[in-house]
Amino acid sequence: LEECIFVPAIFDYWMNKETGEVISSFSILTSEPGEFVRKIGHERSPIFLKQKLKTFENWFDCENHDGKDFIQLLSNRQEPKMSIEIDRPLKKGWEKRK
């Protein structure tokens, strides 16, 4: 059985005042990468949260805490077990990205 990976994100709606169009947008919160993500050549990584029900209840309960609670929540991280499967040959020179 595979486990879910949880990452925090912020979400908001924005309305174009000229057209009335409502745009939904979100951003995944990132930080310094863990060892695995750094080894494969990335400078940033999503923040992976430990799977605790209380953690997620706190994330959605914006009215009952201040910013310090969010910092504590984001500090409750883990680096999930990950692996790479190559689906197709990589383009020659890809390793130069590092």
Protein backbone atom coordinates (compact mmCIF):
# COMPACT_ATOMS: atom_id res chain seq x y z
CA LEU A 1 0.00 0.00 0.00
CA GLU A 2 1.45 3.35 -1.03
CA GLU A 3 1.20 6.32 1.29
CA CYS A 4 -0.09 9.76 0.35
CA ILE A 5 2.31 12.66 0.36
CA PHE A 6 0.89 15.86 1.85
CA VAL A 7 2.18 19.30 0.88
CA PRO A 8 0.88 22.66 2.12
CA ALA A 9 -0.49 25.16 -0.35
CA ILE A 10 -2.23 28.51 -0.37
CA PHE A 11 -5.36 29.03 -2.41
CA ASP A 12 -7.32 32.12 -3.38
CA TYR A 13 -9.81 33.53 -5.85
CA TRP A 14 -9.09 36.66 -7.83
CA MET A 15 -11.66 38.64 -9.78
CA ASN A 16 -10.77 40.67 -12.85
CA LYS A 17 -12.65 43.94 -12.19
CA GLU A 18 -12.97 44.72 -15.90
CA THR A 19 -14.40 41.39 -17.06
CA GLY A 20 -15.81 39.91 -13.85
CA GLU A 21 -13.90 36.70 -14.56
CA VAL A 22 -13.03 34.78 -11.39
CA ILE A 23 -9.69 33.01 -11.43
CA SER A 24 -8.82 30.29 -8.93
CA SER A 25 -5.13 30.03 -8.15
CA PHE A 26 -2.86 28.16 -5.77
CA SER A 27 0.77 27.84 -4.91
CA ILE A 28 2.56 24.92 -3.26
CA LEU A 29 4.86 26.04 -0.46
CA THR A 30 8.50 25.13 -1.00
CA SER A 31 11.73 25.12 0.96
CA GLU A 32 15.28 23.84 0.79
CA PRO A 33 15.25 20.34 -0.71
CA GLY A 34 15.88 17.16 1.23
CA GLU A 35 18.79 14.90 0.31
CA PHE A 36 16.97 12.91 -2.41
CA VAL A 37 15.57 15.96 -4.22
CA ARG A 38 18.93 17.76 -4.02
CA LYS A 39 20.73 14.71 -5.47
CA ILE A 40 18.51 14.72 -8.55
CA GLY A 41 19.37 18.37 -9.20
CA HIS A 42 16.65 20.56 -7.71
CA GLU A 43 17.26 23.65 -5.56
CA ARG A 44 13.71 23.77 -4.12
CA SER A 45 11.21 21.16 -3.02
CA PRO A 46 7.65 21.13 -1.73
CA ILE A 47 7.43 21.01 2.04
CA PHE A 48 6.35 17.46 2.83
CA LEU A 49 4.22 17.33 5.98
CA LYS A 50 4.04 14.46 8.43
CA GLN A 51 0.71 12.69 8.25
CA LYS A 52 -1.01 13.69 11.46
CA LEU A 53 -4.71 14.48 11.48
CA LYS A 54 -4.21 17.37 13.92
CA THR A 55 -1.74 18.91 11.47
CA PHE A 56 -4.33 19.16 8.73
CA GLU A 57 -7.11 20.35 11.02
CA ASN A 58 -4.85 23.24 12.06
CA TRP A 59 -4.02 24.15 8.47
CA PHE A 60 -7.67 24.70 7.58
CA ASP A 61 -8.61 26.46 10.84
CA CYS A 62 -7.32 29.94 9.91
CA GLU A 63 -9.48 31.93 12.32
CA ASN A 64 -8.37 30.31 15.58
CA HIS A 65 -4.62 30.87 15.51
CA ASP A 66 -1.95 33.31 14.44
CA GLY A 67 1.06 33.08 12.12
CA LYS A 68 3.21 31.36 14.75
CA ASP A 69 0.96 28.31 14.50
CA PHE A 70 1.57 28.13 10.77
CA ILE A 71 5.33 28.28 11.26
CA GLN A 72 5.12 25.41 13.74
CA LEU A 73 2.91 23.47 11.32
CA LEU A 74 5.38 23.95 8.47
CA SER A 75 8.23 22.81 10.72
CA ASN A 76 6.53 19.42 11.14
CA ARG A 77 8.11 17.97 8.00
CA GLN A 78 9.42 14.73 6.69
CA GLU A 79 11.24 13.53 3.61
CA PRO A 80 9.10 10.78 2.10
CA LYS A 81 10.71 7.74 0.52
CA MET A 82 10.97 8.50 -3.18
CA SER A 83 12.50 6.83 -6.19
CA ILE A 84 12.92 7.60 -9.86
CA GLU A 85 11.65 5.54 -12.76
CA ILE A 86 12.91 6.50 -16.18
CA ASP A 87 9.96 6.27 -18.54
CA ARG A 88 11.96 7.25 -21.60
CA PRO A 89 15.61 7.93 -22.37
CA LEU A 90 16.73 11.34 -21.16
CA LYS A 91 18.00 13.88 -23.66
CA LYS A 92 21.80 13.90 -23.86
CA GLY A 93 23.28 16.62 -21.66
CA TRP A 94 20.44 16.71 -19.08
CA GLU A 95 22.93 16.21 -16.26
CA LYS A 96 24.52 19.61 -17.06
CA ARG A 97 21.52 21.24 -15.30
CA LYS A 98 23.19 20.63 -11.94
